[in-house]
PDB file of N, CA and C in Angstrom:
ATOM      1  N   MET A   1      78.677  97.036  93.982  1.00  0.00           N
ATOM      2  CA  MET A   1      78.237  98.229  94.285  1.00  0.00           C
ATOM      3  C   MET A   1      79.449  99.161  93.436  1.00  0.00           C
ATOM      4  N   PRO A   2      78.807  99.995  93.137  1.00  0.00           N
ATOM      5  CA  PRO A   2      79.813 101.135  92.574  1.00  0.00           C
ATOM      6  C   PRO A   2      81.037 101.870  93.885  1.00  0.00           C
ATOM      7  N   ASN A   3      82.459 102.124  93.719  1.00  0.00           N
ATOM      8  CA  ASN A   3      82.821 102.300  94.116  1.00  0.00           C
ATOM      9  C   ASN A   3      84.074 103.380  94.007  1.00  0.00           C
ATOM     10  N   VAL A   4      84.137 104.572  94.699  1.00  0.00           N
ATOM     11  CA  VAL A   4      84.450 106.074  94.148  1.00  0.00           C
ATOM     12  C   VAL A   4      85.934 106.011  94.838  1.00  0.00           C
ATOM     13  N   SER A   5      86.890 106.247  94.159  1.00  0.00           N
ATOM     14  CA  SER A   5      88.033 106.663  94.893  1.00  0.00           C
ATOM     15  C   SER A   5      87.977 108.366  94.864  1.00  0.00           C
ATOM     16  N   ILE A   6      88.748 109.572  95.686  1.00  0.00           N
ATOM     17  CA  ILE A   6      89.019 110.718  95.156  1.00  0.00           C
ATOM     18  C   ILE A   6      90.355 110.920  95.699  1.00  0.00           C
ATOM     19  N   ASP A   7      91.200 111.197  95.018  1.00  0.00           N
ATOM     20  CA  ASP A   7      92.407 112.242  95.692  1.00  0.00           C
ATOM     21  C   ASP A   7      92.756 113.667  95.544  1.00  0.00           C
ATOM     22  N   GLY A   8      93.077 114.005  96.457  1.00  0.00           N
ATOM     23  CA  GLY A   8      93.151 115.513  96.491  1.00  0.00           C
ATOM     24  C   GLY A   8      93.547 115.401  98.075  1.00  0.00           C
ATOM     25  N   PRO A   9      93.775 117.323  97.902  1.00  0.00           N
ATOM     26  CA  PRO A   9      94.693 117.752  98.709  1.00  0.00           C
ATOM     27  C   PRO A   9      93.691 117.857 100.620  1.00  0.00           C
ATOM     28  N   LYS A  10      93.939 117.762 101.436  1.00  0.00           N
ATOM     29  CA  LYS A  10      93.414 117.306 102.959  1.00  0.00           C
ATOM     30  C   LYS A  10      92.955 118.695 103.123  1.00  0.00           C
ATOM     31  N   ILE A  11      91.378 118.051 103.477  1.00  0.00           N
ATOM     32  CA  ILE A  11      89.974 118.400 103.927  1.00  0.00           C
ATOM     33  C   ILE A  11      89.902 119.181 105.181  1.00  0.00           C
ATOM     34  N   ARG A  12      89.956 119.923 105.630  1.00  0.00           N
ATOM     35  CA  ARG A  12      89.969 119.944 107.356  1.00  0.00           C
ATOM     36  C   ARG A  12      89.061 119.705 107.580  1.00  0.00           C
ATOM     37  N   ASP A  13      87.715 120.791 106.819  1.00  0.00           N
ATOM     38  CA  ASP A  13      86.330 120.720 107.659  1.00  0.00           C
ATOM     39  C   ASP A  13      85.608 120.081 107.337  1.00  0.00           C
ATOM     40  N   LEU A  14      84.717 118.716 108.669  1.00  0.00           N
ATOM     41  CA  LEU A  14      84.434 117.574 108.449  1.00  0.00           C
ATOM     42  C   LEU A  14      83.058 118.032 108.104  1.00  0.00           C
ATOM     43  N   ASN A  15      82.804 119.375 108.074  1.00  0.00           N
ATOM     44  CA  ASN A  15      81.271 119.480 107.303  1.00  0.00           C
ATOM     45  C   ASN A  15      81.102 119.070 105.786  1.00  0.00           C
ATOM     46  N   ILE A  16      81.963 120.000 105.513  1.00  0.00           N
ATOM     47  CA  ILE A  16      82.751 120.087 103.606  1.00  0.00           C
ATOM     48  C   ILE A  16      82.708 118.277 103.533  1.00  0.00           C
ATOM     49  N   LYS A  17      83.008 117.517 103.775  1.00  0.00           N
ATOM     50  CA  LYS A  17      83.708 116.390 103.549  1.00  0.00           C
ATOM     51  C   LYS A  17      81.648 115.588 103.679  1.00  0.00           C
ATOM     52  N   ARG A  18      81.056 115.615 104.753  1.00  0.00           N
ATOM     53  CA  ARG A  18      79.894 115.369 104.880  1.00  0.00           C
ATOM     54  C   ARG A  18      79.793 115.402 103.189  1.00  0.00           C
ATOM     55  N   GLN A  19      79.512 117.356 103.065  1.00  0.00           N
ATOM     56  CA  GLN A  19      78.421 117.575 101.856  1.00  0.00           C
ATOM     57  C   GLN A  19      78.921 117.267 100.908  1.00  0.00           C
ATOM     58  N   LEU A  20      80.176 117.078 101.001  1.00  0.00           N
ATOM     59  CA  LEU A  20      80.741 115.949  99.645  1.00  0.00           C
ATOM     60  C   LEU A  20      79.657 114.457  99.413  1.00  0.00           C
ATOM     61  N   ILE A  21      80.605 113.817 100.075  1.00  0.00           N
ATOM     62  CA  ILE A  21      80.380 112.631  99.955  1.00  0.00           C
ATOM     63  C   ILE A  21      78.366 112.590  99.830  1.00  0.00           C
ATOM     64  N   LYS A  22      77.999 113.331 100.532  1.00  0.00           N
ATOM     65  CA  LYS A  22      76.636 113.957 100.042  1.00  0.00           C
ATOM     66  C   LYS A  22      75.905 113.674  98.266  1.00  0.00           C
ATOM     67  N   GLU A  23      76.711 114.768  98.020  1.00  0.00           N
ATOM     68  CA  GLU A  23      76.493 114.989  97.094  1.00  0.00           C
ATOM     69  C   GLU A  23      76.869 114.220  96.039  1.00  0.00           C
ATOM     70  N   ILE A  24      77.740 113.775  96.048  1.00  0.00           N
ATOM     71  CA  ILE A  24      78.747 112.537  95.186  1.00  0.00           C
ATOM     72  C   ILE A  24      77.377 111.310  95.025  1.00  0.00           C
ATOM     73  N   THR A  25      77.403 110.378  96.518  1.00  0.00           N
ATOM     74  CA  THR A  25      76.054 110.020  96.507  1.00  0.00           C
ATOM     75  C   THR A  25      74.575 110.246  95.468  1.00  0.00           C
ATOM     76  N   ASP A  26      74.512 111.481  95.793  1.00  0.00           N
ATOM     77  CA  ASP A  26      72.767 111.762  95.666  1.00  0.00           C
ATOM     78  C   ASP A  26      73.681 111.980  93.302  1.00  0.00           C
ATOM     79  N   ALA A  27      74.328 111.880  93.183  1.00  0.00           N
ATOM     80  CA  ALA A  27      74.751 112.172  91.398  1.00  0.00           C
ATOM     81  C   ALA A  27      74.816 110.382  91.182  1.00  0.00           C
ATOM     82  N   LEU A  28      75.421 109.467  92.580  1.00  0.00           N
ATOM     83  CA  LEU A  28      76.014 107.855  91.763  1.00  0.00           C
ATOM     84  C   LEU A  28      74.370 107.491  91.825  1.00  0.00           C
ATOM     85  N   GLU A  29      73.607 107.973  92.819  1.00  0.00           N
ATOM     86  CA  GLU A  29      72.116 107.261  92.520  1.00  0.00           C
ATOM     87  C   GLU A  29      71.246 107.782  92.103  1.00  0.00           C
ATOM     88  N   LYS A  30      71.452 109.174  91.092  1.00  0.00           N
ATOM     89  CA  LYS A  30      70.743 110.241  90.099  1.00  0.00           C
ATOM     90  C   LYS A  30      71.170 109.124  88.904  1.00  0.00           C
ATOM     91  N   ALA A  31      71.937 108.675  88.273  1.00  0.00           N
ATOM     92  CA  ALA A  31      72.906 107.985  87.527  1.00  0.00           C
ATOM     93  C   ALA A  31      72.975 106.409  86.939  1.00  0.00           C
ATOM     94  N   TYR A  32      72.751 105.940  88.549  1.00  0.00           N
ATOM     95  CA  TYR A  32      73.100 104.653  88.005  1.00  0.00           C
ATOM     96  C   TYR A  32      71.707 104.212  88.897  1.00  0.00           C
ATOM     97  N   LYS A  33      70.324 104.332  89.226  1.00  0.00           N
ATOM     98  CA  LYS A  33      69.181 104.006  89.580  1.00  0.00           C
ATOM     99  C   LYS A  33      69.571 102.891  90.601  1.00  0.00           C
ATOM    100  N   ILE A  34      70.975 102.806  91.510  1.00  0.00           N
ATOM    101  CA  ILE A  34      70.691 102.113  92.972  1.00  0.00           C
ATOM    102  C   ILE A  34      70.772 101.795  93.951  1.00  0.00           C
ATOM    103  N   PRO A  35      70.106 102.173  94.851  1.00  0.00           N
ATOM    104  CA  PRO A  35      69.742 102.553  96.009  1.00  0.00           C
ATOM    105  C   PRO A  35      71.222 103.259  96.628  1.00  0.00           C
ATOM    106  N   ARG A  36      70.666 104.577  97.975  1.00  0.00           N
ATOM    107  CA  ARG A  36      72.316 104.739  98.298  1.00  0.00           C
ATOM    108  C   ARG A  36      73.340 103.816  98.932  1.00  0.00           C
ATOM    109  N   ASN A  37      72.650 102.971  99.974  1.00  0.00           N
ATOM    110  CA  ASN A  37      73.510 102.646 100.421  1.00  0.00           C
ATOM    111  C   ASN A  37      74.419 101.241  99.887  1.00  0.00           C
ATOM    112  N   ALA A  38      74.643 101.331  98.496  1.00  0.00           N
ATOM    113  CA  ALA A  38      75.534 100.640  97.798  1.00  0.00           C
ATOM    114  C   ALA A  38      76.876 101.564  97.267  1.00  0.00           C
ATOM    115  N   TYR A  39      76.513 102.619  97.637  1.00  0.00           N
ATOM    116  CA  TYR A  39      78.253 103.269  96.842  1.00  0.00           C
ATOM    117  C   TYR A  39      79.395 103.035  98.511  1.00  0.00           C
ATOM    118  N   ASN A  40      80.201 103.578  97.889  1.00  0.00           N
ATOM    119  CA  ASN A  40      81.604 103.052  98.597  1.00  0.00           C
ATOM    120  C   ASN A  40      82.047 104.482  98.010  1.00  0.00           C
ATOM    121  N   ILE A  41      82.455 105.363  98.672  1.00  0.00           N
ATOM    122  CA  ILE A  41      83.247 106.682  99.111  1.00  0.00           C
ATOM    123  C   ILE A  41      84.415 106.114  99.032  1.00  0.00           C
ATOM    124  N   VAL A  42      85.436 106.326  98.937  1.00  0.00           N
ATOM    125  CA  VAL A  42      86.730 107.237  99.642  1.00  0.00           C
ATOM    126  C   VAL A  42      87.425 107.968  99.603  1.00  0.00           C
ATOM    127  N   ILE A  43      87.840 109.039  99.992  1.00  0.00           N
ATOM    128  CA  ILE A  43      88.945 110.348  99.599  1.00  0.00           C
ATOM    129  C   ILE A  43      89.227 110.383 100.669  1.00  0.00           C
ATOM    130  N   ARG A  44      90.969 110.408  99.896  1.00  0.00           N
ATOM    131  CA  ARG A  44      92.228 109.880  99.875  1.00  0.00           C
ATOM    132  C   ARG A  44      93.354 110.873  99.820  1.00  0.00           C
ATOM    133  N   GLU A  45      93.408 111.301 101.550  1.00  0.00           N
ATOM    134  CA  GLU A  45      94.045 113.172 100.804  1.00  0.00           C
ATOM    135  C   GLU A  45      95.687 112.770 101.439  1.00  0.00           C
ATOM    136  N   ASN A  46      95.939 114.075 100.386  1.00  0.00           N
ATOM    137  CA  ASN A  46      97.479 113.672 100.008  1.00  0.00           C
ATOM    138  C   ASN A  46      98.333 115.360 100.350  1.00  0.00           C
ATOM    139  N   PRO A  47      99.287 115.118 101.076  1.00  0.00           N
ATOM    140  CA  PRO A  47      99.803 116.187 101.216  1.00  0.00           C
ATOM    141  C   PRO A  47     100.507 116.650 100.384  1.00  0.00           C
ATOM    142  N   PRO A  48     101.408 118.021 100.278  1.00  0.00           N
ATOM    143  CA  PRO A  48     101.647 118.911  98.369  1.00  0.00           C
ATOM    144  C   PRO A  48     102.894 118.443  98.792  1.00  0.00           C
ATOM    145  N   GLU A  49     103.713 118.091  99.096  1.00  0.00           N
ATOM    146  CA  GLU A  49     105.038 117.060  98.799  1.00  0.00           C
ATOM    147  C   GLU A  49     105.038 115.532  98.377  1.00  0.00           C
ATOM    148  N   ASN A  50     103.249 115.072  98.454  1.00  0.00           N
ATOM    149  CA  ASN A  50     103.740 113.711  97.369  1.00  0.00           C
ATOM    150  C   ASN A  50     102.946 113.775  96.538  1.00  0.00           C
ATOM    151  N   VAL A  51     102.863 115.070  96.043  1.00  0.00           N
ATOM    152  CA  VAL A  51     102.110 114.993  94.335  1.00  0.00           C
ATOM    153  C   VAL A  51     103.057 115.605  93.658  1.00  0.00           C
ATOM    154  N   GLY A  52     102.668 115.572  92.334  1.00  0.00           N
ATOM    155  CA  GLY A  52     103.659 116.037  91.272  1.00  0.00           C
ATOM    156  C   GLY A  52     102.928 116.509  90.258  1.00  0.00           C
ATOM    157  N   VAL A  53     102.531 117.795  89.944  1.00  0.00           N
ATOM    158  CA  VAL A  53     102.214 118.339  88.832  1.00  0.00           C
ATOM    159  C   VAL A  53     103.268 118.919  87.371  1.00  0.00           C
ATOM    160  N   GLY A  54     103.034 118.309  86.416  1.00  0.00           N
ATOM    161  CA  GLY A  54     104.357 118.984  85.440  1.00  0.00           C
ATOM    162  C   GLY A  54     105.550 118.865  85.793  1.00  0.00           C
ATOM    163  N   GLY A  55     105.856 117.708  86.348  1.00  0.00           N
ATOM    164  CA  GLY A  55     107.424 117.090  86.511  1.00  0.00           C
ATOM    165  C   GLY A  55     108.195 117.869  88.299  1.00  0.00           C
ATOM    166  N   VAL A  56     106.543 119.292  88.355  1.00  0.00           N
ATOM    167  CA  VAL A  56     107.111 119.990  89.983  1.00  0.00           C
ATOM    168  C   VAL A  56     106.358 118.951  91.018  1.00  0.00           C
ATOM    169  N   LEU A  57     106.853 119.182  92.255  1.00  0.00           N
ATOM    170  CA  LEU A  57     105.914 118.414  93.135  1.00  0.00           C
ATOM    171  C   LEU A  57     105.482 119.966  93.642  1.00  0.00           C
ATOM    172  N   LEU A  58     103.528 119.589  94.419  1.00  0.00           N
ATOM    173  CA  LEU A  58     103.309 120.579  94.624  1.00  0.00           C
ATOM    174  C   LEU A  58     103.389 121.209  95.878  1.00  0.00           C
ATOM    175  N   ALA A  59     104.209 120.959  96.694  1.00  0.00           N
ATOM    176  CA  ALA A  59     104.512 121.752  97.415  1.00  0.00           C
ATOM    177  C   ALA A  59     105.506 123.276  97.333  1.00  0.00           C
ATOM    178  N   ASP A  60     106.643 122.944  96.354  1.00  0.00           N
ATOM    179  CA  ASP A  60     107.430 123.789  95.425  1.00  0.00           C
ATOM    180  C   ASP A  60     106.479 124.605  95.071  1.00  0.00           C
ATOM    181  N   ARG A  61     105.337 124.334  94.306  1.00  0.00           N
ATOM    182  CA  ARG A  61     104.219 125.333  93.189  1.00  0.00           C
ATOM    183  C   ARG A  61     103.806 126.144  94.236  1.00  0.00           C
ATOM    184  N   ILE A  62     103.865 125.601  95.426  1.00  0.00           N
ATOM    185  CA  ILE A  62     102.425 126.617  96.457  1.00  0.00           C
ATOM    186  C   ILE A  62     103.664 127.478  97.230  1.00  0.00           C
ATOM    187  N   ASN A  63     104.424 127.594  97.389  1.00  0.00           N
ATOM    188  CA  ASN A  63     105.659 128.339  97.847  1.00  0.00           C
ATOM    189  C   ASN A  63     106.521 129.580  97.304  1.00  0.00           C
ATOM    190  N   LYS A  64     105.640 129.412  95.750  1.00  0.00           N
ATOM    191  CA  LYS A  64     106.916 130.129  95.219  1.00  0.00           C
ATOM    192  C   LYS A  64     105.816 131.304  94.978  1.00  0.00           C
TER     193      LYS A  64
END
């Protein structure tokens, strides 16, 4: 069973998450030719104070 992890900022709209999962599943099914019920997708939402980019907290980059 293929597994996909997505790490990113919080997605507040549940419908957008549904669409994201559907579109990723569609792409996986097309690429692997495995039925869609075989895919496990996990969205990990990270607050900006827990993410660093270029040596700087994302929270600090957003607040500038």
